[in-house]
Amino acid sequence: MKHAVISPASSAWWKVGAISGATAIMLGAFGAHALQRKVKDPKLQKNWETAAHYQLLHSVALLAVPLSKRPTVSGGLIAGGTLIFSGSLYALVLTNERKLGMITPIGGVALVAGWLALLL
């Protein structure tokens, strides 16, 4: 049976994934409690929930990145995509600047590319 060898550089993605996962939990809790007292628009509340959900999901994906053949590519796309996708939604909710929603699909495309890069 062949075992995967994880390089120290690749294992940095575990740290990125763990930090991202922890912040996703904190931001999700903030959205479920404190944010609901300040943001009354249900669509904005749902945007926050979506951002936290996608951040948490892709934090877990980052834990698999060290097992890929090209961790820098897949990890960079997943981490960058998460930052752009979730970050733009968080910013949209906090600022109510609707133009930020135009950035969100760019993050989504990067996330899809990151998943596909895991195959390379």
N, C-alpha and C. Protein backbone atom coordinates (compact mmCIF):
# COMPACT_ATOMS: atom_id res chain seq x y z
N MET A 1 0.84 -1.18 0.00
CA MET A 1 0.00 0.00 0.00
C MET A 1 0.88 1.24 0.00
N LYS A 2 0.60 2.14 -0.91
CA LYS A 2 1.39 3.36 -1.03
C LYS A 2 0.82 4.44 -0.11
N HIS A 3 1.70 5.09 0.63
CA HIS A 3 1.27 6.14 1.56
C HIS A 3 1.63 7.51 0.99
N ALA A 4 0.77 8.46 1.24
CA ALA A 4 1.05 9.83 0.81
C ALA A 4 2.12 10.43 1.71
N VAL A 5 3.01 11.18 1.10
CA VAL A 5 4.05 11.88 1.85
C VAL A 5 3.70 13.36 1.85
N ILE A 6 3.60 13.91 3.03
CA ILE A 6 3.23 15.32 3.16
C ILE A 6 4.48 16.13 3.45
N SER A 7 4.75 17.10 2.60
CA SER A 7 5.91 17.96 2.82
C SER A 7 5.54 19.05 3.83
N PRO A 8 6.55 19.60 4.53
CA PRO A 8 6.26 20.69 5.47
C PRO A 8 5.56 21.87 4.81
N ALA A 9 5.94 22.17 3.57
CA ALA A 9 5.30 23.29 2.87
C ALA A 9 3.82 22.99 2.61
N SER A 10 3.52 21.76 2.23
CA SER A 10 2.13 21.38 1.98
C SER A 10 1.30 21.40 3.25
N SER A 11 1.92 21.04 4.37
CA SER A 11 1.16 20.98 5.61
C SER A 11 0.72 22.37 6.08
N ALA A 12 1.29 23.41 5.50
CA ALA A 12 0.83 24.77 5.81
C ALA A 12 -0.64 24.93 5.44
N TRP A 13 -1.09 24.16 4.44
CA TRP A 13 -2.50 24.24 4.04
C TRP A 13 -3.42 23.72 5.15
N TRP A 14 -2.94 22.79 5.97
CA TRP A 14 -3.73 22.34 7.11
C TRP A 14 -3.96 23.51 8.07
N LYS A 15 -2.90 24.30 8.28
CA LYS A 15 -3.02 25.45 9.18
C LYS A 15 -3.99 26.48 8.61
N VAL A 16 -3.87 26.74 7.31
CA VAL A 16 -4.78 27.69 6.66
C VAL A 16 -6.22 27.18 6.79
N GLY A 17 -6.42 25.89 6.53
CA GLY A 17 -7.76 25.31 6.64
C GLY A 17 -8.31 25.37 8.06
N ALA A 18 -7.45 25.10 9.03
CA ALA A 18 -7.89 25.13 10.43
C ALA A 18 -8.26 26.54 10.87
N ILE A 19 -7.44 27.52 10.49
CA ILE A 19 -7.74 28.91 10.84
C ILE A 19 -9.01 29.37 10.14
N SER A 20 -9.14 29.02 8.87
CA SER A 20 -10.34 29.38 8.12
C SER A 20 -11.58 28.73 8.73
N GLY A 21 -11.47 27.47 9.12
CA GLY A 21 -12.60 26.78 9.74
C GLY A 21 -13.00 27.41 11.06
N ALA A 22 -12.02 27.75 11.88
CA ALA A 22 -12.32 28.38 13.17
C ALA A 22 -13.00 29.74 12.97
N THR A 23 -12.50 30.52 12.02
CA THR A 23 -13.13 31.83 11.78
C THR A 23 -14.52 31.67 11.17
N ALA A 24 -14.72 30.62 10.36
CA ALA A 24 -16.06 30.37 9.80
C ALA A 24 -17.07 30.09 10.91
N ILE A 25 -16.66 29.31 11.90
CA ILE A 25 -17.54 29.02 13.03
C ILE A 25 -17.85 30.30 13.80
N MET A 26 -16.83 31.11 14.05
CA MET A 26 -17.05 32.37 14.78
C MET A 26 -17.94 33.33 14.00
N LEU A 27 -17.69 33.44 12.69
CA LEU A 27 -18.51 34.34 11.87
C LEU A 27 -19.93 33.82 11.73
N GLY A 28 -20.10 32.51 11.65
CA GLY A 28 -21.44 31.93 11.62
C GLY A 28 -22.20 32.21 12.90
N ALA A 29 -21.52 32.06 14.04
CA ALA A 29 -22.16 32.36 15.33
C ALA A 29 -22.51 33.84 15.44
N PHE A 30 -21.60 34.69 14.98
CA PHE A 30 -21.87 36.13 14.98
C PHE A 30 -23.11 36.43 14.14
N GLY A 31 -23.20 35.79 12.97
CA GLY A 31 -24.35 36.00 12.09
C GLY A 31 -25.65 35.51 12.70
N ALA A 32 -25.59 34.42 13.45
CA ALA A 32 -26.79 33.85 14.05
C ALA A 32 -27.26 34.61 15.28
N HIS A 33 -26.39 35.40 15.87
CA HIS A 33 -26.75 36.08 17.12
C HIS A 33 -26.65 37.60 16.99
N ALA A 34 -25.47 38.14 17.03
CA ALA A 34 -25.29 39.60 17.06
C ALA A 34 -25.75 40.28 15.77
N LEU A 35 -25.44 39.70 14.63
CA LEU A 35 -25.77 40.34 13.36
C LEU A 35 -27.27 40.47 13.16
N GLN A 36 -28.04 39.49 13.60
CA GLN A 36 -29.49 39.52 13.41
C GLN A 36 -30.15 40.67 14.16
N ARG A 37 -29.49 41.17 15.18
CA ARG A 37 -30.03 42.34 15.90
C ARG A 37 -29.79 43.63 15.13
N LYS A 38 -28.77 43.63 14.26
CA LYS A 38 -28.40 44.85 13.54
C LYS A 38 -28.87 44.84 12.08
N VAL A 39 -28.86 43.67 11.47
CA VAL A 39 -29.25 43.56 10.05
C VAL A 39 -30.63 42.89 10.02
N LYS A 40 -31.63 43.64 9.60
CA LYS A 40 -33.01 43.13 9.61
C LYS A 40 -33.43 42.50 8.29
N ASP A 41 -32.74 42.81 7.21
CA ASP A 41 -33.09 42.30 5.89
C ASP A 41 -32.80 40.79 5.83
N PRO A 42 -33.83 39.95 5.65
CA PRO A 42 -33.61 38.50 5.62
C PRO A 42 -32.67 38.05 4.50
N LYS A 43 -32.67 38.77 3.37
CA LYS A 43 -31.78 38.40 2.27
C LYS A 43 -30.32 38.62 2.67
N LEU A 44 -30.04 39.72 3.36
CA LEU A 44 -28.68 39.98 3.83
C LEU A 44 -28.27 38.95 4.88
N GLN A 45 -29.19 38.58 5.76
CA GLN A 45 -28.89 37.55 6.75
C GLN A 45 -28.56 36.22 6.06
N LYS A 46 -29.31 35.91 5.02
CA LYS A 46 -29.07 34.67 4.25
C LYS A 46 -27.71 34.73 3.54
N ASN A 47 -27.35 35.91 3.04
CA ASN A 47 -26.03 36.08 2.41
C ASN A 47 -24.92 35.77 3.40
N TRP A 48 -25.07 36.24 4.64
CA TRP A 48 -24.06 35.99 5.68
C TRP A 48 -23.98 34.48 5.95
N GLU A 49 -25.13 33.86 6.07
CA GLU A 49 -25.18 32.42 6.32
C GLU A 49 -24.51 31.64 5.18
N THR A 50 -24.76 32.05 3.95
CA THR A 50 -24.14 31.41 2.79
C THR A 50 -22.62 31.58 2.84
N ALA A 51 -22.17 32.78 3.17
CA ALA A 51 -20.73 33.05 3.25
C ALA A 51 -20.07 32.14 4.29
N ALA A 52 -20.67 32.04 5.47
CA ALA A 52 -20.09 31.21 6.52
C ALA A 52 -20.12 29.73 6.14
N HIS A 53 -21.21 29.31 5.50
CA HIS A 53 -21.34 27.91 5.07
C HIS A 53 -20.25 27.55 4.06
N TYR A 54 -20.10 28.39 3.04
CA TYR A 54 -19.09 28.12 2.01
C TYR A 54 -17.68 28.20 2.59
N GLN A 55 -17.45 29.12 3.51
CA GLN A 55 -16.13 29.22 4.13
C GLN A 55 -15.82 27.94 4.90
N LEU A 56 -16.79 27.45 5.66
CA LEU A 56 -16.55 26.24 6.44
C LEU A 56 -16.33 25.03 5.53
N LEU A 57 -17.16 24.90 4.52
CA LEU A 57 -17.02 23.78 3.58
C LEU A 57 -15.65 23.77 2.91
N HIS A 58 -15.20 24.93 2.49
CA HIS A 58 -13.92 24.99 1.78
C HIS A 58 -12.72 24.98 2.74
N SER A 59 -12.96 25.26 4.01
CA SER A 59 -11.91 25.07 5.01
C SER A 59 -11.59 23.58 5.12
N VAL A 60 -12.62 22.76 5.08
CA VAL A 60 -12.42 21.31 5.11
C VAL A 60 -11.69 20.86 3.84
N ALA A 61 -12.07 21.43 2.70
CA ALA A 61 -11.39 21.09 1.45
C ALA A 61 -9.90 21.40 1.53
N LEU A 62 -9.55 22.49 2.21
CA LEU A 62 -8.14 22.85 2.35
C LEU A 62 -7.35 21.79 3.11
N LEU A 63 -8.02 21.03 3.96
CA LEU A 63 -7.34 19.97 4.70
C LEU A 63 -6.90 18.83 3.78
N ALA A 64 -7.55 18.70 2.62
CA ALA A 64 -7.17 17.67 1.65
C ALA A 64 -6.10 18.14 0.68
N VAL A 65 -5.85 19.42 0.64
CA VAL A 65 -4.90 19.99 -0.33
C VAL A 65 -3.51 19.35 -0.23
N PRO A 66 -2.96 19.10 0.96
CA PRO A 66 -1.63 18.49 1.02
C PRO A 66 -1.54 17.12 0.35
N LEU A 67 -2.65 16.47 0.12
CA LEU A 67 -2.65 15.16 -0.53
C LEU A 67 -2.66 15.26 -2.05
N SER A 68 -2.84 16.47 -2.57
CA SER A 68 -2.89 16.64 -4.03
C SER A 68 -1.48 16.73 -4.60
N LYS A 69 -1.38 16.54 -5.91
CA LYS A 69 -0.07 16.59 -6.57
C LYS A 69 0.44 18.01 -6.70
N ARG A 70 -0.47 18.96 -6.78
CA ARG A 70 -0.09 20.37 -6.93
C ARG A 70 -0.78 21.20 -5.84
N PRO A 71 -0.32 21.07 -4.60
CA PRO A 71 -1.00 21.74 -3.50
C PRO A 71 -1.01 23.27 -3.60
N THR A 72 0.03 23.84 -4.20
CA THR A 72 0.06 25.30 -4.31
C THR A 72 -1.05 25.80 -5.22
N VAL A 73 -1.29 25.09 -6.31
CA VAL A 73 -2.34 25.49 -7.25
C VAL A 73 -3.71 25.29 -6.63
N SER A 74 -3.99 24.06 -6.19
CA SER A 74 -5.33 23.78 -5.65
C SER A 74 -5.58 24.58 -4.37
N GLY A 75 -4.60 24.65 -3.50
CA GLY A 75 -4.77 25.41 -2.26
C GLY A 75 -4.94 26.89 -2.50
N GLY A 76 -4.16 27.43 -3.42
CA GLY A 76 -4.28 28.85 -3.73
C GLY A 76 -5.63 29.20 -4.30
N LEU A 77 -6.13 28.34 -5.18
CA LEU A 77 -7.45 28.59 -5.78
C LEU A 77 -8.57 28.45 -4.74
N ILE A 78 -8.48 27.43 -3.91
CA ILE A 78 -9.53 27.24 -2.90
C ILE A 78 -9.48 28.34 -1.84
N ALA A 79 -8.29 28.66 -1.35
CA ALA A 79 -8.18 29.71 -0.34
C ALA A 79 -8.56 31.07 -0.92
N GLY A 80 -8.04 31.38 -2.11
CA GLY A 80 -8.37 32.65 -2.74
C GLY A 80 -9.83 32.75 -3.10
N GLY A 81 -10.38 31.65 -3.62
CA GLY A 81 -11.80 31.63 -3.97
C GLY A 81 -12.68 31.83 -2.75
N THR A 82 -12.30 31.20 -1.64
CA THR A 82 -13.06 31.36 -0.40
C THR A 82 -13.00 32.80 0.08
N LEU A 83 -11.81 33.38 0.04
CA LEU A 83 -11.65 34.77 0.46
C LEU A 83 -12.51 35.70 -0.38
N ILE A 84 -12.49 35.51 -1.69
CA ILE A 84 -13.26 36.38 -2.58
C ILE A 84 -14.76 36.11 -2.45
N PHE A 85 -15.16 34.84 -2.48
CA PHE A 85 -16.58 34.50 -2.42
C PHE A 85 -17.18 34.91 -1.08
N SER A 86 -16.66 34.34 -0.01
CA SER A 86 -17.23 34.62 1.31
C SER A 86 -16.94 36.05 1.75
N GLY A 87 -15.72 36.50 1.47
CA GLY A 87 -15.35 37.86 1.88
C GLY A 87 -16.22 38.93 1.25
N SER A 88 -16.55 38.75 -0.03
CA SER A 88 -17.40 39.75 -0.69
C SER A 88 -18.82 39.72 -0.11
N LEU A 89 -19.30 38.54 0.26
CA LEU A 89 -20.63 38.47 0.87
C LEU A 89 -20.63 39.08 2.27
N TYR A 90 -19.60 38.80 3.06
CA TYR A 90 -19.51 39.42 4.39
C TYR A 90 -19.49 40.95 4.25
N ALA A 91 -18.66 41.43 3.33
CA ALA A 91 -18.55 42.88 3.13
C ALA A 91 -19.86 43.48 2.63
N LEU A 92 -20.55 42.78 1.74
CA LEU A 92 -21.84 43.25 1.23
C LEU A 92 -22.83 43.42 2.37
N VAL A 93 -22.89 42.44 3.26
CA VAL A 93 -23.82 42.50 4.38
C VAL A 93 -23.47 43.65 5.32
N LEU A 94 -22.19 43.81 5.63
CA LEU A 94 -21.77 44.84 6.59
C LEU A 94 -21.90 46.25 6.05
N THR A 95 -21.72 46.41 4.73
CA THR A 95 -21.74 47.76 4.14
C THR A 95 -23.02 48.05 3.37
N ASN A 96 -23.77 47.01 3.04
CA ASN A 96 -24.96 47.12 2.18
C ASN A 96 -24.62 47.68 0.81
N GLU A 97 -23.36 47.52 0.40
CA GLU A 97 -22.90 47.95 -0.92
C GLU A 97 -23.15 46.82 -1.90
N ARG A 98 -24.23 46.93 -2.65
CA ARG A 98 -24.68 45.84 -3.54
C ARG A 98 -23.67 45.53 -4.65
N LYS A 99 -22.85 46.49 -5.02
CA LYS A 99 -21.86 46.25 -6.08
C LYS A 99 -20.86 45.16 -5.69
N LEU A 100 -20.69 44.94 -4.41
CA LEU A 100 -19.77 43.88 -3.96
C LEU A 100 -20.24 42.50 -4.41
N GLY A 101 -21.53 42.37 -4.65
CA GLY A 101 -22.07 41.11 -5.13
C GLY A 101 -21.56 40.72 -6.51
N MET A 102 -21.06 41.70 -7.25
CA MET A 102 -20.51 41.41 -8.58
C MET A 102 -19.19 40.66 -8.49
N ILE A 103 -18.52 40.75 -7.36
CA ILE A 103 -17.23 40.09 -7.15
C ILE A 103 -17.42 38.61 -6.78
N THR A 104 -18.52 38.32 -6.13
CA THR A 104 -18.77 36.98 -5.58
C THR A 104 -18.60 35.86 -6.60
N PRO A 105 -19.14 35.98 -7.82
CA PRO A 105 -18.98 34.89 -8.79
C PRO A 105 -17.52 34.60 -9.17
N ILE A 106 -16.66 35.60 -9.08
CA ILE A 106 -15.24 35.38 -9.36
C ILE A 106 -14.68 34.38 -8.34
N GLY A 107 -15.06 34.56 -7.09
CA GLY A 107 -14.66 33.60 -6.06
C GLY A 107 -15.22 32.22 -6.32
N GLY A 108 -16.47 32.18 -6.79
CA GLY A 108 -17.09 30.89 -7.11
C GLY A 108 -16.35 30.15 -8.21
N VAL A 109 -15.93 30.88 -9.23
CA VAL A 109 -15.17 30.27 -10.33
C VAL A 109 -13.83 29.74 -9.80
N ALA A 110 -13.18 30.51 -8.94
CA ALA A 110 -11.91 30.06 -8.36
C ALA A 110 -12.11 28.80 -7.52
N LEU A 111 -13.22 28.73 -6.80
CA LEU A 111 -13.50 27.53 -6.00
C LEU A 111 -13.68 26.30 -6.88
N VAL A 112 -14.44 26.45 -7.96
CA VAL A 112 -14.62 25.32 -8.89
C VAL A 112 -13.26 24.90 -9.47
N ALA A 113 -12.46 25.89 -9.86
CA ALA A 113 -11.13 25.59 -10.41
C ALA A 113 -10.26 24.90 -9.36
N GLY A 114 -10.38 25.30 -8.10
CA GLY A 114 -9.62 24.66 -7.03
C GLY A 114 -9.99 23.20 -6.85
N TRP A 115 -11.28 22.91 -6.90
CA TRP A 115 -11.72 21.52 -6.81
C TRP A 115 -11.18 20.71 -7.98
N LEU A 116 -11.25 21.27 -9.17
CA LEU A 116 -10.74 20.57 -10.35
C LEU A 116 -9.23 20.40 -10.29
N ALA A 117 -8.54 21.38 -9.70
CA ALA A 117 -7.08 21.30 -9.57
C ALA A 117 -6.66 20.15 -8.64
N LEU A 118 -7.55 19.75 -7.75
CA LEU A 118 -7.24 18.60 -6.90
C LEU A 118 -7.05 17.33 -7.72
N LEU A 119 -7.62 17.32 -8.93
CA LEU A 119 -7.49 16.15 -9.82
C LEU A 119 -6.16 16.11 -10.55
N LEU A 120 -5.51 17.25 -10.71
CA LEU A 120 -4.28 17.32 -11.51
C LEU A 120 -3.13 16.55 -10.88
